[in-house]
Every structure is written in C-alpha cells, then in structure tokens.
Protein backbone atom coordinates (compact mmCIF):
# COMPACT_ATOMS: atom_id res chain seq x y z
CA MET A 1 290.95 284.49 78.82
CA SER A 2 286.55 284.15 78.02
CA GLU A 3 286.26 281.78 74.76
CA THR A 4 284.47 284.78 73.48
CA ARG A 5 287.80 287.10 73.14
CA LYS A 6 290.10 283.80 72.77
CA LEU A 7 292.96 285.34 70.44
CA LEU A 8 293.40 285.66 66.48
CA ARG A 9 295.91 283.70 65.25
CA GLY A 10 298.34 285.13 62.42
CA SER A 11 301.09 283.51 60.64
CA THR A 12 303.62 286.30 62.86
CA GLY A 13 302.01 285.60 66.14
CA ASP A 14 298.70 285.79 67.92
CA TRP A 15 296.13 289.19 67.53
CA GLU A 16 293.35 290.53 70.03
CA VAL A 17 290.64 292.72 68.40
CA VAL A 18 288.80 295.62 70.04
CA ILE A 19 285.25 296.88 69.04
CA GLY A 20 283.59 300.11 69.88
CA LEU A 21 279.97 300.94 68.13
CA GLU A 22 278.46 304.12 67.73
CA VAL A 23 275.31 303.50 67.43
CA HIS A 24 272.90 306.31 65.61
CA ALA A 25 269.48 305.40 67.31
CA GLN A 26 266.33 307.71 65.70
CA VAL A 27 264.51 309.71 68.52
CA THR A 28 261.05 308.10 68.98
CA SER A 29 258.76 311.67 68.06
CA LYS A 30 256.54 313.45 66.03
CA SER A 31 258.51 316.23 65.02
CA LYS A 32 261.91 316.60 64.34
CA LEU A 33 264.77 318.02 66.35
CA PHE A 34 264.49 321.31 65.47
CA SER A 35 261.38 322.17 63.53
CA GLY A 36 257.59 321.57 63.57
CA ALA A 37 258.15 318.87 60.83
CA SER A 38 256.93 315.30 61.02
CA ALA A 39 259.47 312.90 61.63
CA GLU A 40 257.08 310.16 59.87
CA TYR A 41 258.63 307.28 58.03
CA GLY A 42 257.51 306.82 54.26
CA ALA A 43 256.30 309.59 53.30
CA GLY A 44 256.71 311.22 49.51
CA PRO A 45 259.66 312.74 48.62
CA ASN A 46 260.44 315.81 50.14
CA GLU A 47 256.72 315.87 52.05
CA ASN A 48 258.44 316.31 55.73
CA VAL A 49 260.15 319.17 55.01
CA SER A 50 260.13 322.52 56.88
CA LEU A 51 261.83 325.90 55.76
CA VAL A 52 264.33 325.27 58.70
CA ASP A 53 265.04 322.44 57.21
CA ALA A 54 265.82 323.18 54.59
CA ALA A 55 267.79 326.31 55.89
CA MET A 56 266.12 328.79 54.09
CA PRO A 57 267.52 331.97 55.02
CA GLY A 58 266.47 333.56 57.95
CA MET A 59 264.97 330.03 59.35
CA LEU A 60 265.81 329.69 63.50
CA PRO A 61 266.10 326.37 65.26
CA VAL A 62 264.02 325.69 67.70
CA ILE A 63 264.41 322.83 70.34
CA ASN A 64 262.12 320.23 70.78
CA GLU A 65 261.94 319.24 74.45
CA TYR A 66 260.33 316.00 74.01
CA CYS A 67 263.30 314.84 72.26
CA VAL A 68 265.35 316.20 75.00
CA GLU A 69 262.78 313.94 77.54
CA GLN A 70 263.98 311.20 75.50
CA ALA A 71 267.40 311.57 75.48
CA VAL A 72 267.74 312.02 79.14
CA ARG A 73 265.29 308.56 79.84
CA THR A 74 267.27 307.05 77.28
CA GLY A 75 270.12 307.55 79.29
CA LEU A 76 268.55 307.01 83.02
CA GLY A 77 267.94 303.15 81.40
CA LEU A 78 272.05 303.00 80.03
CA ASN A 79 272.87 303.86 83.78
CA ALA A 80 274.62 307.06 82.68
CA ARG A 81 275.26 310.41 84.48
CA ILE A 82 272.62 313.25 83.17
CA ASN A 83 274.56 316.25 82.26
CA LEU A 84 272.52 319.09 83.47
CA TRP A 85 274.56 321.12 81.06
CA SER A 86 274.99 320.82 78.01
CA ARG A 87 274.97 322.76 74.54
CA PHE A 88 275.15 322.00 70.83
CA ASP A 89 277.28 322.36 68.39
CA ARG A 90 277.91 322.74 64.59
CA LYS A 91 279.94 320.03 62.84
CA ASN A 92 280.89 322.08 59.42
CA TYR A 93 281.20 319.35 56.51
CA PHE A 94 279.65 319.61 52.73
CA TYR A 95 277.04 316.87 51.35
CA PRO A 96 274.15 317.66 49.08
CA ASP A 97 271.61 316.48 51.36
CA LEU A 98 273.17 318.54 53.91
CA PRO A 99 271.33 322.20 52.77
CA GLN A 100 272.82 324.08 55.76
CA GLY A 101 276.28 323.01 55.19
CA TYR A 102 277.11 321.80 58.99
CA GLN A 103 275.27 319.74 61.27
CA ILE A 104 273.76 320.58 64.80
CA SER A 105 275.10 318.34 67.15
CA GLN A 106 276.93 318.17 70.16
CA TYR A 107 280.84 317.70 70.80
CA LYS A 108 282.45 318.55 74.29
CA ASP A 109 279.68 318.96 76.19
CA PRO A 110 277.03 316.18 75.43
CA ILE A 111 273.21 315.64 77.52
CA VAL A 112 274.69 312.33 78.82
CA GLY A 113 277.69 311.23 80.19
CA GLU A 114 279.23 307.52 80.92
CA GLY A 115 277.39 305.02 82.40
CA GLU A 116 277.33 301.05 81.46
CA ILE A 117 275.10 298.27 80.28
CA GLU A 118 275.10 294.46 81.13
CA VAL A 119 275.34 292.29 78.27
CA GLU A 120 274.58 288.60 77.89
CA LEU A 121 276.61 286.59 75.86
CA ASP A 122 275.88 283.00 74.42
CA GLY A 123 276.53 280.20 76.99
CA GLY A 124 275.34 282.23 79.58
CA GLU A 125 278.20 284.87 80.55
CA THR A 126 278.07 288.23 80.57
CA ILE A 127 280.25 291.39 80.25
CA MET A 128 279.88 294.63 81.14
CA VAL A 129 280.19 297.81 78.35
CA GLY A 130 280.90 301.13 79.31
CA ILE A 131 278.89 303.94 77.90
CA GLU A 132 281.36 306.72 76.63
CA ARG A 133 278.35 309.13 75.94
CA LEU A 134 275.18 310.11 74.37
CA HIS A 135 274.76 313.01 71.90
CA LEU A 136 271.79 314.75 70.79
CA GLU A 137 272.00 315.56 66.91
CA GLN A 138 270.15 316.34 63.70
CA ASP A 139 270.51 313.96 60.52
CA ALA A 140 270.96 314.57 56.83
CA GLY A 141 268.98 314.42 54.39
CA LYS A 142 269.12 311.45 51.95
CA SER A 143 270.98 311.94 48.14
CA ILE A 144 269.36 309.15 45.49
CA HIS A 145 271.62 308.01 42.54
CA ASP A 146 269.82 305.42 40.85
CA LEU A 147 266.73 307.37 39.30
CA ALA A 148 268.78 308.93 36.85
CA PRO A 149 272.63 308.13 34.79
CA LYS A 150 273.95 311.52 34.95
CA GLU A 151 271.35 312.77 37.76
CA SER A 152 271.41 312.56 41.52
CA TYR A 153 268.28 313.24 43.60
CA VAL A 154 268.48 315.00 47.36
CA ASP A 155 264.83 314.16 49.76
CA LEU A 156 264.72 315.90 52.86
CA ASN A 157 262.47 314.57 54.23
CA ARG A 158 265.35 312.75 57.38
CA SER A 159 266.80 315.93 57.13
CA GLY A 160 266.38 317.84 61.18
CA VAL A 161 265.27 314.16 62.04
CA ALA A 162 266.36 314.10 65.84
CA LEU A 163 269.22 311.41 66.59
CA MET A 164 270.56 309.72 69.48
CA GLU A 165 274.21 309.34 69.04
CA ILE A 166 275.08 306.55 71.53
CA VAL A 167 278.90 305.81 72.07
CA SER A 168 280.45 302.58 73.84
CA LYS A 169 283.83 302.40 74.96
CA PRO A 170 286.40 300.32 73.19
CA ASP A 171 285.13 296.85 75.79
CA MET A 172 283.99 294.22 73.28
CA ARG A 173 286.62 291.99 72.23
CA SER A 174 284.85 289.75 69.68
CA ALA A 175 282.34 289.58 67.01
CA GLU A 176 279.97 288.00 69.25
CA GLU A 177 280.61 290.47 72.39
CA GLY A 178 280.15 293.31 69.65
CA ALA A 179 276.41 292.22 68.35
CA ALA A 180 275.28 290.99 71.64
CA TYR A 181 275.55 294.51 72.39
CA PHE A 182 274.46 295.86 69.52
CA THR A 183 271.26 293.19 70.68
CA LYS A 184 270.81 294.71 73.82
CA LEU A 185 271.30 298.28 73.29
CA ARG A 186 268.32 297.60 70.99
CA SER A 187 266.29 296.54 73.44
CA ILE A 188 266.69 298.72 76.15
CA VAL A 189 266.00 301.71 73.83
CA ARG A 190 262.58 299.88 72.74
CA TYR A 191 261.65 299.14 76.67
CA LEU A 192 262.02 302.84 76.96
CA GLY A 193 260.08 304.28 73.98
CA THR A 194 263.04 306.37 72.88
CA CYS A 195 263.56 304.74 69.55
CA ASP A 196 261.87 302.00 67.80
CA GLY A 197 264.65 299.69 66.77
CA ASN A 198 263.46 299.05 63.34
CA MET A 199 267.21 298.97 61.59
CA GLU A 200 264.97 297.88 58.14
CA GLU A 201 264.08 301.82 58.15
CA GLY A 202 267.24 303.35 59.20
CA SER A 203 265.81 304.44 62.42
CA MET A 204 268.90 302.50 64.07
CA ARG A 205 272.47 301.79 62.60
CA ALA A 206 275.71 301.72 64.21
CA ASP A 207 279.15 302.49 62.53
CA VAL A 208 281.62 299.95 63.62
CA ASN A 209 284.96 300.62 64.80
CA VAL A 210 287.31 298.10 64.83
CA SER A 211 291.25 297.51 65.25
CA VAL A 212 293.85 294.75 66.15
CA CYS A 213 296.99 294.47 68.28
CA ARG A 214 299.17 292.25 69.67
CA ALA A 215 297.98 289.96 72.49
CA GLY A 216 298.55 291.55 76.18
CA ASN A 217 298.26 295.33 74.22
CA TYR A 218 294.79 295.40 75.69
CA ASP A 219 295.97 295.19 79.15
CA LYS A 220 298.38 297.43 78.47
CA PHE A 221 295.58 300.15 77.55
CA ARG A 222 293.13 299.02 80.42
CA GLU A 223 296.23 299.73 82.92
CA THR A 224 297.55 303.29 80.91
CA GLY A 225 294.27 304.57 79.09
CA ASP A 226 297.17 305.10 76.31
CA PHE A 227 294.91 304.07 72.79
CA LYS A 228 298.54 303.52 71.18
CA TYR A 229 298.38 300.17 72.68
CA LEU A 230 295.15 299.81 70.66
CA GLY A 231 296.17 300.24 67.33
CA THR A 232 295.02 302.26 64.55
CA ARG A 233 291.51 301.94 64.02
CA THR A 234 288.50 301.81 60.91
CA GLU A 235 285.17 302.89 61.16
CA THR A 236 282.75 301.27 59.15
CA LYS A 237 279.39 303.31 58.52
CA ASN A 238 275.43 302.99 58.63
CA VAL A 239 275.51 299.05 59.54
CA ASN A 240 271.84 298.32 59.77
CA SER A 241 271.67 294.53 61.50
CA ILE A 242 273.01 292.27 63.61
CA ARG A 243 274.30 289.76 61.16
CA TYR A 244 276.16 292.37 59.34
CA VAL A 245 278.10 293.73 62.92
CA ARG A 246 278.96 290.69 63.34
CA GLN A 247 280.51 290.04 59.78
CA VAL A 248 281.89 293.65 59.79
CA ILE A 249 283.97 293.14 63.10
CA ASP A 250 285.23 289.37 61.54
CA TYR A 251 286.22 290.80 58.02
CA GLU A 252 288.06 294.46 59.84
CA ALA A 253 289.64 291.78 61.73
CA ARG A 254 291.16 289.74 59.61
CA ARG A 255 291.89 291.98 56.96
CA GLN A 256 293.59 294.06 59.00
CA ILE A 257 296.24 291.37 60.40
CA GLU A 258 296.92 290.43 56.55
CA VAL A 259 297.80 293.50 56.16
CA LEU A 260 299.51 294.31 59.38
CA GLU A 261 301.60 290.97 58.70
CA ALA A 262 302.90 291.75 55.10
CA GLY A 263 304.24 294.54 56.53
CA GLY A 264 301.97 297.24 55.83
CA GLU A 265 300.01 300.06 57.80
CA ILE A 266 296.22 300.53 58.55
CA ASP A 267 294.79 303.29 57.65
CA GLN A 268 292.67 305.17 59.91
CA GLU A 269 289.55 305.43 57.40
CA THR A 270 285.96 305.34 56.72
CA ARG A 271 284.83 302.22 55.60
CA LEU A 272 282.02 300.71 53.47
CA PHE A 273 279.93 297.44 53.88
CA ASP A 274 278.84 295.59 50.70
CA VAL A 275 276.67 292.96 51.86
CA LYS A 276 276.82 290.96 48.48
CA THR A 277 280.22 290.27 49.54
CA GLY A 278 280.49 290.33 52.98
CA GLU A 279 283.56 292.80 52.61
CA THR A 280 284.59 296.11 53.66
CA ARG A 281 285.76 298.68 51.04
CA THR A 282 287.17 302.19 51.52
CA MET A 283 284.86 305.10 51.43
CA ARG A 284 287.25 307.82 52.64
CA SER A 285 290.15 309.14 55.00
CA LYS A 286 288.87 309.15 58.51
CA GLU A 287 288.56 312.82 59.59
CA ASP A 288 289.50 314.38 63.40
CA ALA A 289 287.42 316.65 65.24
CA HIS A 290 289.36 319.50 64.45
CA ASP A 291 288.66 318.50 60.44
CA TYR A 292 284.92 319.81 61.19
CA ARG A 293 285.44 322.90 63.12
CA TYR A 294 283.90 322.48 65.66
CA PHE A 295 281.95 325.69 67.44
CA PRO A 296 278.73 326.42 69.65
CA ASP A 297 275.91 327.01 67.65
CA PRO A 298 275.25 330.61 68.01
CA ASP A 299 271.54 330.51 67.45
CA LEU A 300 271.10 328.20 70.08
CA LEU A 301 271.21 328.47 73.90
CA PRO A 302 272.96 326.01 76.11
CA LEU A 303 270.16 323.23 77.92
CA GLU A 304 269.99 323.40 81.45
CA ILE A 305 268.08 320.85 83.33
CA ASP A 306 266.13 321.07 86.46
CA PRO A 307 267.40 317.62 88.29
CA ALA A 308 263.70 317.25 89.76
CA TRP A 309 262.41 317.40 86.06
CA VAL A 310 265.47 314.10 85.41
CA GLU A 311 263.99 312.18 88.95
CA GLU A 312 260.54 312.70 87.54
CA ILE A 313 261.60 310.67 84.33
CA ARG A 314 263.18 308.45 86.29
CA ALA A 315 260.43 307.68 87.90
CA SER A 316 258.48 307.29 84.93
CA LEU A 317 260.74 304.43 83.47
CA PRO A 318 259.25 301.15 82.78
CA GLU A 319 260.45 297.76 84.25
CA LEU A 320 264.13 297.19 81.85
CA PRO A 321 264.93 293.71 80.55
CA ASP A 322 268.02 293.55 83.22
CA ALA A 323 265.28 293.79 85.95
CA LYS A 324 262.32 291.88 84.06
CA LYS A 325 264.59 288.92 83.77
CA HIS A 326 265.53 288.44 87.55
CA ARG A 327 262.19 288.96 88.24
CA PHE A 328 261.40 285.83 86.06
CA MET A 329 264.29 284.00 87.92
CA ASP A 330 262.54 284.75 91.17
CA ASP A 331 258.58 284.77 90.21
CA TYR A 332 258.70 282.07 88.32
CA GLY A 333 261.77 279.72 88.88
CA LEU A 334 263.01 280.05 85.28
CA SER A 335 266.69 279.53 84.31
CA ALA A 336 268.68 282.22 83.33
CA TYR A 337 268.80 281.59 79.98
CA ASP A 338 265.13 281.46 79.55
CA ALA A 339 264.45 284.61 81.47
CA SER A 340 266.90 286.61 79.51
CA VAL A 341 265.03 285.01 75.90
CA LEU A 342 261.77 286.12 77.61
CA ALA A 343 263.11 289.48 78.59
CA ALA A 344 265.04 290.88 75.35
CA ASP A 345 261.69 291.86 74.11
CA LYS A 346 259.23 293.80 75.60
CA ALA A 347 256.19 292.57 73.59
CA SER A 348 257.77 288.64 74.16
CA ALA A 349 258.13 289.49 77.85
CA ALA A 350 254.12 291.22 78.19
CA TYR A 351 253.07 287.85 76.58
CA PHE A 352 254.33 285.39 78.40
CA GLU A 353 253.02 286.60 81.27
CA GLU A 354 249.61 287.10 80.43
CA VAL A 355 250.18 283.30 79.76
CA VAL A 356 251.21 282.92 83.08
CA ALA A 357 248.10 285.11 84.47
CA LYS A 358 245.87 282.26 82.23
CA CYS A 359 247.73 278.74 83.58
CA ASP A 360 249.51 279.97 86.17
CA ASP A 361 252.76 278.01 85.55
CA GLY A 362 255.83 279.75 84.49
CA LYS A 363 257.93 276.88 84.01
CA LEU A 364 255.32 275.55 81.75
CA ALA A 365 254.42 278.63 80.19
CA SER A 366 258.07 279.06 79.36
CA ASN A 367 258.71 276.10 77.45
CA TRP A 368 255.52 276.87 75.22
CA VAL A 369 256.92 280.54 74.46
CA THR A 370 260.28 279.76 74.06
CA GLY A 371 260.26 276.55 71.97
CA ASP A 372 256.66 275.67 70.36
CA LEU A 373 255.65 279.21 69.73
CA PHE A 374 259.13 280.94 68.86
CA GLY A 375 259.69 277.82 66.71
CA ALA A 376 256.22 278.32 65.01
CA LEU A 377 256.77 282.42 64.75
CA ASN A 378 260.53 281.70 62.99
CA LYS A 379 259.28 279.50 60.81
CA ALA A 380 256.25 281.25 59.27
CA GLY A 381 258.84 284.44 59.32
CA LYS A 382 256.04 286.80 61.80
CA THR A 383 256.94 288.75 64.86
CA ILE A 384 255.38 288.13 68.36
CA GLU A 385 253.04 290.77 67.23
CA GLU A 386 251.76 288.67 64.77
CA THR A 387 251.16 285.76 66.49
CA PRO A 388 248.22 283.38 64.89
CA VAL A 389 247.78 282.16 68.71
CA SER A 390 246.98 284.66 71.31
CA ALA A 391 248.48 284.56 74.94
CA ALA A 392 244.85 283.96 76.90
CA GLN A 393 244.07 280.36 73.95
CA LEU A 394 248.29 279.64 74.97
CA GLY A 395 247.21 279.76 78.71
CA GLU A 396 243.84 278.17 78.39
CA LEU A 397 245.76 275.31 76.16
CA ILE A 398 248.47 274.89 79.02
CA SER A 399 245.77 274.73 81.69
CA LEU A 400 244.03 271.77 80.01
CA ILE A 401 247.36 269.94 80.29
CA LYS A 402 247.71 270.64 84.29
CA ASP A 403 243.98 269.98 84.56
CA LYS A 404 244.34 266.26 82.66
CA THR A 405 241.51 266.99 80.10
CA ILE A 406 244.45 266.59 77.56
CA SER A 407 247.86 264.96 76.82
CA GLY A 408 250.89 266.60 76.44
CA LYS A 409 250.73 265.26 72.92
CA ILE A 410 247.29 266.33 72.15
CA ALA A 411 247.79 270.31 73.22
CA LYS A 412 250.73 270.24 70.40
CA ASP A 413 247.94 269.08 67.81
CA VAL A 414 245.72 271.43 69.19
CA PHE A 415 248.71 273.99 68.99
CA ALA A 416 249.29 273.27 65.34
CA LEU A 417 245.28 273.29 64.11
CA ILE A 418 245.38 277.03 65.97
CA VAL A 419 248.87 277.62 63.82
CA GLU A 420 247.61 276.77 60.56
CA GLY A 421 244.02 278.07 60.31
CA GLU A 422 242.21 274.68 60.64
CA GLU A 423 240.53 276.25 63.98
CA SER A 424 240.18 279.18 65.91
CA GLY A 425 238.89 280.36 69.56
CA ALA A 426 238.78 278.23 72.80
CA PRO A 427 241.02 275.73 72.78
CA GLY A 428 238.74 273.92 75.72
CA ASP A 429 235.98 274.48 72.39
CA ILE A 430 238.56 272.88 70.13
CA VAL A 431 238.62 269.94 72.15
CA GLU A 432 234.86 269.28 72.59
CA ARG A 433 234.64 269.58 68.57
CA ARG A 434 237.17 267.62 68.09
CA GLY A 435 236.06 264.45 70.02
CA LEU A 436 240.10 264.83 72.11
CA LYS A 437 239.67 264.43 75.53
CA GLN A 438 241.88 262.52 77.43
CA VAL A 439 240.89 258.83 78.56
CA THR A 440 241.57 258.40 82.19
CA ASP A 441 239.34 255.92 82.94
CA THR A 442 241.51 253.31 83.79
CA GLY A 443 239.05 250.28 83.15
CA ALA A 444 239.31 251.51 79.68
CA ILE A 445 242.84 251.64 79.53
CA GLU A 446 243.25 248.49 81.04
CA LYS A 447 241.06 246.79 78.14
CA VAL A 448 243.60 248.44 75.59
CA VAL A 449 246.57 247.03 77.48
CA ASP A 450 245.29 243.14 77.85
CA GLU A 451 244.90 243.01 74.37
CA ILE A 452 248.12 244.85 73.20
CA ILE A 453 249.53 242.18 75.82
CA ALA A 454 248.13 239.42 74.71
CA ALA A 455 248.85 239.76 71.35
CA ASN A 456 252.87 240.59 72.13
CA PRO A 457 254.37 237.97 73.82
CA LYS A 458 257.79 238.14 72.70
CA GLN A 459 257.60 241.50 73.36
CA VAL A 460 256.62 240.21 76.81
CA GLU A 461 259.06 238.07 77.53
CA GLN A 462 261.82 240.83 75.81
CA VAL A 463 259.98 243.17 78.71
CA LYS A 464 261.34 240.84 81.69
CA GLU A 465 265.08 240.67 80.36
CA LYS A 466 265.68 244.65 79.64
CA PRO A 467 262.49 246.77 81.17
CA LYS A 468 263.36 249.55 79.62
CA THR A 469 262.06 248.31 76.24
CA MET A 470 258.48 248.49 77.79
CA GLY A 471 258.39 251.87 76.13
CA TRP A 472 256.95 249.86 72.83
CA PHE A 473 254.36 248.87 75.04
CA VAL A 474 253.19 252.61 76.26
CA GLY A 475 253.85 253.91 72.70
CA GLN A 476 251.25 250.76 71.20
CA VAL A 477 248.83 251.65 73.80
CA MET A 478 249.15 255.59 72.93
CA LYS A 479 248.68 254.77 69.44
CA ALA A 480 245.31 252.48 69.95
CA SER A 481 243.59 254.85 72.11
CA GLY A 482 244.54 257.85 69.29
CA GLY A 483 246.79 259.78 71.92
CA LYS A 484 243.79 260.17 74.18
CA ALA A 485 244.99 257.35 76.73
CA ASN A 486 246.35 259.16 80.01
CA PRO A 487 250.17 258.85 79.71
CA GLN A 488 251.12 258.85 83.70
CA ALA A 489 247.98 256.20 84.05
CA VAL A 490 249.18 253.87 80.89
CA ASN A 491 252.99 253.71 82.72
CA GLU A 492 251.40 252.32 86.15
CA ILE A 493 248.97 250.08 84.61
CA LEU A 494 251.79 248.69 82.23
CA LYS A 495 254.15 248.07 85.06
CA LYS A 496 251.65 246.11 87.21
CA LYS A 497 250.96 243.80 83.88
CA LEU A 498 254.28 243.38 82.75
CA GLY A 499 255.83 243.37 86.58
CA VAL A 500 258.25 246.26 85.75
CA GLU A 501 259.58 248.17 89.53
C-alpha cells in the first residue's frame, strides 16, 4: 500500500479514509451566467446586480455562450467527455441571498461527463483521480451578519455569477492526496484561463467529502461499486485553501473513527471548518437530491452543442501542465520533480523558458529558478509576477557564469544585490561597475597560492597526509582574491603545488 494511503490505526483496529471533492470554480468571464451584469470582484454592495439577478417579476434568464465555452474548455482539459446535449434544472431551496428561491443548476444532464487527471504526490508518486462530472450553475448572493447587532444585510453582487462545479470520484485516500488533487485542479483551470483560482476572493473553493471504513472495505467498493462499503460521509463546505483541505480531511477522519469506536454513528451532514481551531462543526443535516425538488428549468432550452465547435475549442487549448512537464524533461533534461515544480504554475513555466532562451542551459536555469529565485520570493512573500529579478536578468547572470566572467559565488552576490534593490539593470553592467569580474590569469592566482602555502607550513603537511583537507587552501585563496579567482584554476594550481592527485 502506498505511504500516502497508509491505514489509520484506531483502538479497535485499522481504518481507511475515503475522500471526494466538489470544487466550485468561478468561470472567468466579464458577465454573469444568465444576465449581462458585471461579474467583476470588488464592487460595492449590490452594484453588480441586474433585474434578472434580483429576481424581479417577469425577468427571464439568457445563457451566456462564453461561459458555456469555458465549461467545455475545462472539460477538455480534464480529459472528460463533453455532452453534446445537456439541460438546466431548478434546485429549490431558500436563503435570504437567493432571491429566486431556487438555483439554476444542472442535475441529471451536465455539460461535462466523466474524465480523469494525473496527480503528483510528494516523493514522485502519481495517482489518477476520476472526474465524475462538471456542471454549470449560478452562484448565490452573500448574507452579512456582522454589520449590526440585530440585522443582516444581503449583497447580491455574486448572485448569478457563473460557477463550474467539478465533482471528483471517491478516489483519494489521504489528506496529502486530497490537497494534491485540489492543487492540480487549480493549476489546470489557471492554465486554461477558465478560472483565476484566487481562493482568497472565493473564486475557487471545495466542499470536502470524507468517510472512513474498515481496512479492506475500499477494495470491496472498487469491486462492486456499492457505496455501503465506504461508510457514511460528511461534507465540509466552502474550504478555500489547500492547507485547509488537508486539515479538514485529517480532522474529520480522526473524529469519525473516534465516534465509531465509541459505539456511535456518523450523521450524514453538512459541516463547517473553523480555521482558528482547526476543527469542523455541524452546520445542518445533509440533504439528498429529492429534498431540492429538481425539475427542468422551463425558461431555458436544453443546450445542444455542435461537435465542430468542441473541436475548435480543443484545437485552441494551451499546452497543459502534464504535457509541459514531459517536454521540460525531454528538452532540458530536467528531473520529473523539477519539471513538475516548474510546470505547475503557468507564469513560473513561462519565466523559466525565458531564462533558458537567454542562457541556453535548462538544468542550470532550473536550479536557479527553483532554488534561489523561489527561495527569495517565498522569503519576501511575493509571487513570480512580482519578482524583482526579471527573466532576462537571471538568464544573463547564468550566461556570465557559463562564460567564466564570474564565479557562482559572485553570481549569488549579484543576484542578492538585485533582489534587495541595491542594483538594477543588466547583470553584466553591475559586474563591471563593482569590479566583480573573475580572475582567470593563472599567474596572478599562482602568486596568491604561493603566498598562502608559504604562510601555512603545518596545513601543507596535513594535506600530504589527508588530501581532502586541501579545501581549506581553496577557501583561503578565494578569500584572498575576494571571491574573484576562478575556482577551477585554483583547484588545479593547488593540486600541482601541493602534490595532490
């Protein structure tokens, strides 16, 4: 069994955890799903509201074709079946911020059917996670309860905003797998341009379904397809970060095991996650489909999609993370891990390729981008789009190492100067201004070496007994030259002078 799928030990035996995610991804579009109102984030309360969104009498929905295109594009990116015939249904329930008294969604006939995606885990392992469906639906508004002690306010800006609900199969078996799946899904929709994946703004969030079962029961489920083997699931709503997805799964799995081992039963319910305590709590009992009284929306015709249009969309798809990862491995000789790290984010991948175009060395570029650059960005809390070191600058810096103008140590010093804002412009000009060019004159290096050897006879004897201690001399020479001496030349001259093989 995979390390990520290890059994959870309880007081009465071993358990398995089973996870499925329902991810709500806001469609990247200028207007809403059934009205022309703006879908832009950040407007004042109730500024982006049309008469349709407010459910005024006599107002009829009109489908936004671009949102349909975005759903099809996403389905293709998930290697899923595109249903050429689908329809919208009314999902009936009451909230103060749902002015129609129902949500227009898709139930039995979604626009996208089954698919699957490859998910990379820590350590290089990959798993396949099945996609059950993707359907389009409109978002509800927002109720605000903390502006007055005895009143609640309603903001309908989000009412009618287009959402894609992407439902996975119960194929994930650990918190790591659930978090990795959510990460991969976010990467795919951002590559496609169908959702910006901005979880802080609520444009991507997950409903996390968790159940536990006795060891071996999951295999029985896989053999029979009977969900009775998986145990009763809970659904934790609106989890809006990858870290929180992991925490919800860990907490819920342990909570359910404790309840069952104490002789209790798991209620099928909807729960909320408290980010302060790291715990989930009951919100309401979980509704079944019949509770929503689904029926086809009489105001909307079924969607009938032309197969030729689907192929046009397919032809316009960008290179996606998996394809990019394998190309990075083939073209630049990168490891699977480094290629995955670089390909996971579209902006990072583009930055890397621009660096390579400048320095013509994929492995060295990968080391600098994933190591020095990402490290500096993480420390500063910045994204790749906010990097103080442009791809052109980093590419030139690597080129200066390759042509021996500067050493790797000096390159790191120049990199730090740019990051800290002490220098700007072309790295070559910085090196010239600061007199940082590497010393390659063997005569000058020999002079420094001779002086250090003459001043340290005890270390000379030690090197003869233990050749590995020659590193001390290398450090002294580099220090004396201000880090400018060519390291390769220093090593060769020292070996000759000290008689080290």
